[in-house]
């Protein structure tokens, strides 16, 4: 990852695919990067290679949007102890911020 003016940029790689793959997947060429990224992230999540939080981070979407995406692709949702711990930590941090803002 790289930092530029407070923005975190991920390292990227360019992949060449035969156009037939996009056609078979019914992916318009102008949406190839976004759609292929979704497919890869869903694949990795479905194989338990990445966590729910990481999948959402990579796609820049909420957990609920990711659940809908899984549903759209007919995939099961995996929610394990690590996902639960990450959610609890997020709630704890949110609560601390909330209390600090209100001066509690």
N, C-alpha and C. Protein backbone atom coordinates (compact mmCIF):
# COMPACT_ATOMS: atom_id res chain seq x y z
N UNK A 1 0.83 -1.18 0.00
CA UNK A 1 0.00 0.00 0.00
C UNK A 1 0.87 1.24 0.00
N UNK A 2 0.33 2.29 -0.59
CA UNK A 2 1.05 3.56 -0.67
C UNK A 2 0.18 4.66 -0.08
N UNK A 3 0.84 5.66 0.49
CA UNK A 3 0.13 6.82 1.02
C UNK A 3 0.40 8.02 0.12
N UNK A 4 -0.67 8.74 -0.21
CA UNK A 4 -0.53 9.96 -0.99
C UNK A 4 -1.52 10.97 -0.45
N UNK A 5 -0.99 12.04 0.16
CA UNK A 5 -1.81 13.12 0.73
C UNK A 5 -2.94 12.57 1.61
N UNK A 6 -2.59 11.65 2.51
CA UNK A 6 -3.58 11.11 3.43
C UNK A 6 -4.48 10.04 2.83
N UNK A 7 -4.26 9.68 1.58
CA UNK A 7 -5.08 8.67 0.93
C UNK A 7 -4.26 7.39 0.79
N UNK A 8 -4.83 6.28 1.20
CA UNK A 8 -4.14 5.00 1.06
C UNK A 8 -4.46 4.42 -0.31
N UNK A 9 -3.41 4.12 -1.06
CA UNK A 9 -3.59 3.51 -2.37
C UNK A 9 -3.11 2.07 -2.30
N UNK A 10 -3.90 1.15 -2.83
CA UNK A 10 -3.49 -0.25 -2.87
C UNK A 10 -2.62 -0.50 -4.08
N UNK A 11 -1.67 -1.40 -3.91
CA UNK A 11 -0.90 -1.85 -5.06
C UNK A 11 -1.85 -2.61 -5.97
N UNK A 12 -1.68 -2.46 -7.27
CA UNK A 12 -2.57 -3.13 -8.22
C UNK A 12 -1.77 -3.91 -9.25
N UNK A 13 -2.48 -4.76 -9.96
CA UNK A 13 -1.90 -5.55 -11.03
C UNK A 13 -2.88 -5.52 -12.21
N UNK A 14 -2.35 -5.51 -13.40
CA UNK A 14 -3.19 -5.53 -14.60
C UNK A 14 -3.22 -6.95 -15.14
N UNK A 15 -4.41 -7.43 -15.46
CA UNK A 15 -4.59 -8.78 -15.97
C UNK A 15 -5.26 -8.70 -17.34
N UNK A 16 -4.77 -9.47 -18.27
CA UNK A 16 -5.39 -9.54 -19.58
C UNK A 16 -6.26 -10.80 -19.65
N UNK A 17 -7.52 -10.61 -20.05
CA UNK A 17 -8.45 -11.72 -20.19
C UNK A 17 -8.96 -11.78 -21.61
N UNK A 18 -9.20 -12.97 -22.12
CA UNK A 18 -9.84 -13.06 -23.43
C UNK A 18 -11.24 -12.45 -23.34
N UNK A 19 -11.63 -11.73 -24.35
CA UNK A 19 -12.95 -11.09 -24.38
C UNK A 19 -14.06 -12.11 -24.21
N UNK A 20 -13.82 -13.34 -24.64
CA UNK A 20 -14.83 -14.40 -24.51
C UNK A 20 -15.21 -14.64 -23.05
N UNK A 21 -14.27 -14.46 -22.13
CA UNK A 21 -14.57 -14.65 -20.71
C UNK A 21 -15.58 -13.60 -20.25
N UNK A 22 -15.36 -12.34 -20.63
CA UNK A 22 -16.30 -11.28 -20.26
C UNK A 22 -17.67 -11.52 -20.87
N UNK A 23 -17.67 -11.95 -22.13
CA UNK A 23 -18.95 -12.23 -22.80
C UNK A 23 -19.68 -13.37 -22.11
N UNK A 24 -18.96 -14.43 -21.76
CA UNK A 24 -19.58 -15.57 -21.08
C UNK A 24 -20.16 -15.16 -19.73
N UNK A 25 -19.47 -14.24 -19.05
CA UNK A 25 -19.94 -13.76 -17.75
C UNK A 25 -20.94 -12.62 -17.89
N UNK A 26 -21.24 -12.23 -19.13
CA UNK A 26 -22.18 -11.12 -19.42
C UNK A 26 -21.73 -9.83 -18.73
N UNK A 27 -20.43 -9.57 -18.81
CA UNK A 27 -19.84 -8.36 -18.22
C UNK A 27 -19.48 -7.40 -19.34
N UNK A 28 -20.09 -6.19 -19.36
CA UNK A 28 -19.72 -5.19 -20.36
C UNK A 28 -18.25 -4.79 -20.19
N UNK A 29 -17.58 -4.54 -21.29
CA UNK A 29 -16.14 -4.20 -21.24
C UNK A 29 -15.86 -3.02 -20.33
N UNK A 30 -16.74 -2.01 -20.34
CA UNK A 30 -16.49 -0.81 -19.53
C UNK A 30 -16.66 -1.07 -18.03
N UNK A 31 -17.21 -2.22 -17.67
CA UNK A 31 -17.39 -2.57 -16.26
C UNK A 31 -16.50 -3.74 -15.85
N UNK A 32 -15.59 -4.13 -16.73
CA UNK A 32 -14.77 -5.33 -16.51
C UNK A 32 -13.99 -5.28 -15.20
N UNK A 33 -13.29 -4.19 -14.94
CA UNK A 33 -12.46 -4.10 -13.73
C UNK A 33 -13.31 -4.28 -12.48
N UNK A 34 -14.40 -3.55 -12.39
CA UNK A 34 -15.27 -3.61 -11.22
C UNK A 34 -15.88 -4.99 -11.04
N UNK A 35 -16.40 -5.54 -12.12
CA UNK A 35 -17.09 -6.83 -12.03
C UNK A 35 -16.13 -7.98 -11.76
N UNK A 36 -14.98 -7.98 -12.41
CA UNK A 36 -14.00 -9.04 -12.17
C UNK A 36 -13.49 -8.96 -10.73
N UNK A 37 -13.30 -7.75 -10.23
CA UNK A 37 -12.88 -7.57 -8.84
C UNK A 37 -13.92 -8.18 -7.89
N UNK A 38 -15.21 -7.91 -8.15
CA UNK A 38 -16.29 -8.48 -7.34
C UNK A 38 -16.22 -10.00 -7.36
N UNK A 39 -16.07 -10.56 -8.55
CA UNK A 39 -16.05 -12.01 -8.69
C UNK A 39 -14.88 -12.62 -7.93
N UNK A 40 -13.72 -12.00 -8.02
CA UNK A 40 -12.54 -12.53 -7.31
C UNK A 40 -12.73 -12.43 -5.80
N UNK A 41 -13.22 -11.29 -5.32
CA UNK A 41 -13.43 -11.12 -3.88
C UNK A 41 -14.48 -12.11 -3.38
N UNK A 42 -15.57 -12.28 -4.13
CA UNK A 42 -16.59 -13.26 -3.74
C UNK A 42 -16.00 -14.67 -3.70
N UNK A 43 -15.18 -15.00 -4.67
CA UNK A 43 -14.53 -16.31 -4.71
C UNK A 43 -13.66 -16.51 -3.48
N UNK A 44 -12.83 -15.52 -3.16
CA UNK A 44 -11.94 -15.63 -2.01
C UNK A 44 -12.72 -15.73 -0.70
N UNK A 45 -13.79 -14.95 -0.59
CA UNK A 45 -14.63 -15.00 0.61
C UNK A 45 -15.32 -16.36 0.72
N UNK A 46 -15.85 -16.84 -0.40
CA UNK A 46 -16.56 -18.12 -0.41
C UNK A 46 -15.64 -19.27 -0.01
N UNK A 47 -14.36 -19.15 -0.31
CA UNK A 47 -13.37 -20.17 0.03
C UNK A 47 -12.75 -19.92 1.41
N UNK A 48 -13.27 -18.92 2.13
CA UNK A 48 -12.77 -18.54 3.46
C UNK A 48 -11.30 -18.13 3.44
N UNK A 49 -10.86 -17.58 2.30
CA UNK A 49 -9.49 -17.09 2.17
C UNK A 49 -9.37 -15.70 2.77
N UNK A 50 -10.45 -14.91 2.69
CA UNK A 50 -10.49 -13.57 3.29
C UNK A 50 -11.72 -13.46 4.18
N UNK A 51 -11.64 -12.57 5.15
CA UNK A 51 -12.75 -12.37 6.09
C UNK A 51 -13.84 -11.49 5.46
N UNK A 52 -14.96 -11.46 6.13
CA UNK A 52 -16.06 -10.59 5.71
C UNK A 52 -15.60 -9.14 5.71
N UNK A 53 -14.90 -8.73 6.76
CA UNK A 53 -14.43 -7.34 6.85
C UNK A 53 -13.48 -7.01 5.70
N UNK A 54 -12.58 -7.93 5.37
CA UNK A 54 -11.62 -7.70 4.28
C UNK A 54 -12.34 -7.63 2.94
N UNK A 55 -13.32 -8.50 2.74
CA UNK A 55 -14.08 -8.49 1.49
C UNK A 55 -14.79 -7.15 1.32
N UNK A 56 -15.41 -6.66 2.39
CA UNK A 56 -16.11 -5.37 2.33
C UNK A 56 -15.13 -4.23 2.08
N UNK A 57 -13.98 -4.29 2.74
CA UNK A 57 -12.95 -3.26 2.55
C UNK A 57 -12.48 -3.23 1.09
N UNK A 58 -12.19 -4.40 0.53
CA UNK A 58 -11.69 -4.47 -0.84
C UNK A 58 -12.70 -3.94 -1.85
N UNK A 59 -14.00 -4.17 -1.58
CA UNK A 59 -15.03 -3.70 -2.51
C UNK A 59 -15.55 -2.31 -2.16
N UNK A 60 -15.19 -1.82 -0.97
CA UNK A 60 -15.66 -0.50 -0.56
C UNK A 60 -17.15 -0.45 -0.31
N UNK A 61 -17.69 -1.54 0.27
CA UNK A 61 -19.13 -1.61 0.54
C UNK A 61 -19.37 -2.05 1.98
N UNK A 62 -20.60 -1.87 2.45
CA UNK A 62 -20.97 -2.28 3.80
C UNK A 62 -21.21 -3.79 3.84
N UNK A 63 -21.28 -4.32 5.07
CA UNK A 63 -21.58 -5.75 5.21
C UNK A 63 -22.92 -6.08 4.59
N UNK A 64 -23.90 -5.21 4.76
CA UNK A 64 -25.25 -5.49 4.24
C UNK A 64 -25.24 -5.51 2.72
N UNK A 65 -24.48 -4.60 2.12
CA UNK A 65 -24.35 -4.61 0.66
C UNK A 65 -23.63 -5.88 0.20
N UNK A 66 -22.65 -6.32 0.98
CA UNK A 66 -21.93 -7.54 0.63
C UNK A 66 -22.84 -8.76 0.76
N UNK A 67 -23.69 -8.78 1.78
CA UNK A 67 -24.65 -9.88 1.93
C UNK A 67 -25.58 -9.94 0.72
N UNK A 68 -26.03 -8.77 0.26
CA UNK A 68 -26.89 -8.71 -0.93
C UNK A 68 -26.15 -9.21 -2.17
N UNK A 69 -24.88 -8.86 -2.29
CA UNK A 69 -24.07 -9.30 -3.41
C UNK A 69 -23.92 -10.83 -3.39
N UNK A 70 -23.71 -11.40 -2.21
CA UNK A 70 -23.64 -12.86 -2.07
C UNK A 70 -24.95 -13.49 -2.52
N UNK A 71 -26.04 -12.89 -2.10
CA UNK A 71 -27.37 -13.40 -2.48
C UNK A 71 -27.54 -13.34 -3.99
N UNK A 72 -27.13 -12.24 -4.59
CA UNK A 72 -27.23 -12.04 -6.04
C UNK A 72 -26.46 -13.13 -6.80
N UNK A 73 -25.33 -13.55 -6.25
CA UNK A 73 -24.50 -14.58 -6.89
C UNK A 73 -24.84 -15.99 -6.39
N UNK A 74 -25.82 -16.09 -5.49
CA UNK A 74 -26.24 -17.40 -4.99
C UNK A 74 -25.24 -18.06 -4.05
N UNK A 75 -24.49 -17.25 -3.31
CA UNK A 75 -23.47 -17.77 -2.40
C UNK A 75 -23.93 -17.68 -0.95
N UNK A 76 -23.43 -18.59 -0.14
CA UNK A 76 -23.74 -18.58 1.29
C UNK A 76 -22.93 -17.50 1.99
N UNK A 77 -23.45 -17.05 3.11
CA UNK A 77 -22.75 -16.05 3.91
C UNK A 77 -22.02 -16.78 5.03
N UNK A 78 -20.74 -16.49 5.17
CA UNK A 78 -19.93 -17.07 6.25
C UNK A 78 -19.72 -15.98 7.29
N UNK A 79 -20.10 -16.27 8.49
CA UNK A 79 -19.90 -15.31 9.58
C UNK A 79 -19.32 -16.08 10.74
N UNK A 80 -18.02 -15.93 10.96
CA UNK A 80 -17.35 -16.73 11.98
C UNK A 80 -16.99 -15.89 13.20
N UNK A 81 -16.29 -16.51 14.12
CA UNK A 81 -15.91 -15.86 15.37
C UNK A 81 -15.06 -14.62 15.11
N UNK A 82 -14.15 -14.70 14.15
CA UNK A 82 -13.30 -13.55 13.83
C UNK A 82 -14.14 -12.38 13.31
N UNK A 83 -15.13 -12.65 12.47
CA UNK A 83 -16.02 -11.60 11.99
C UNK A 83 -16.77 -10.96 13.17
N UNK A 84 -17.24 -11.81 14.09
CA UNK A 84 -17.94 -11.32 15.28
C UNK A 84 -17.03 -10.41 16.11
N UNK A 85 -15.80 -10.85 16.32
CA UNK A 85 -14.85 -10.05 17.11
C UNK A 85 -14.59 -8.69 16.45
N UNK A 86 -14.44 -8.70 15.12
CA UNK A 86 -14.22 -7.44 14.40
C UNK A 86 -15.43 -6.52 14.55
N UNK A 87 -16.64 -7.09 14.50
CA UNK A 87 -17.84 -6.28 14.67
C UNK A 87 -17.93 -5.70 16.08
N UNK A 88 -17.65 -6.52 17.08
CA UNK A 88 -17.69 -6.05 18.47
C UNK A 88 -16.67 -4.94 18.68
N UNK A 89 -15.47 -5.09 18.12
CA UNK A 89 -14.44 -4.05 18.24
C UNK A 89 -14.90 -2.76 17.56
N UNK A 90 -15.54 -2.88 16.41
CA UNK A 90 -16.06 -1.71 15.71
C UNK A 90 -17.12 -0.99 16.53
N UNK A 91 -17.98 -1.77 17.18
CA UNK A 91 -19.02 -1.19 18.04
C UNK A 91 -18.38 -0.49 19.24
N UNK A 92 -17.36 -1.13 19.84
CA UNK A 92 -16.67 -0.54 20.98
C UNK A 92 -16.04 0.80 20.61
N UNK A 93 -15.37 0.84 19.47
CA UNK A 93 -14.73 2.08 19.02
C UNK A 93 -15.79 3.14 18.73
N UNK A 94 -16.87 2.73 18.07
CA UNK A 94 -17.96 3.67 17.78
C UNK A 94 -18.56 4.23 19.06
N UNK A 95 -18.72 3.38 20.07
CA UNK A 95 -19.26 3.83 21.35
C UNK A 95 -18.32 4.82 22.03
N UNK A 96 -17.01 4.56 21.97
CA UNK A 96 -16.03 5.49 22.54
C UNK A 96 -16.10 6.85 21.86
N UNK A 97 -16.20 6.84 20.55
CA UNK A 97 -16.29 8.10 19.80
C UNK A 97 -17.57 8.84 20.16
N UNK A 98 -18.67 8.11 20.21
CA UNK A 98 -19.97 8.69 20.56
C UNK A 98 -19.91 9.35 21.94
N UNK A 99 -19.35 8.63 22.92
CA UNK A 99 -19.25 9.17 24.27
C UNK A 99 -18.32 10.38 24.33
N UNK A 100 -17.24 10.34 23.58
CA UNK A 100 -16.29 11.47 23.56
C UNK A 100 -16.95 12.70 22.97
N UNK A 101 -17.71 12.52 21.91
CA UNK A 101 -18.39 13.65 21.27
C UNK A 101 -19.41 14.27 22.21
N UNK A 102 -20.13 13.42 22.95
CA UNK A 102 -21.14 13.93 23.88
C UNK A 102 -20.56 14.34 25.23
N UNK A 103 -19.28 14.06 25.44
CA UNK A 103 -18.64 14.41 26.70
C UNK A 103 -19.08 13.53 27.84
N UNK A 104 -19.41 12.30 27.56
CA UNK A 104 -19.86 11.37 28.61
C UNK A 104 -18.70 10.64 29.25
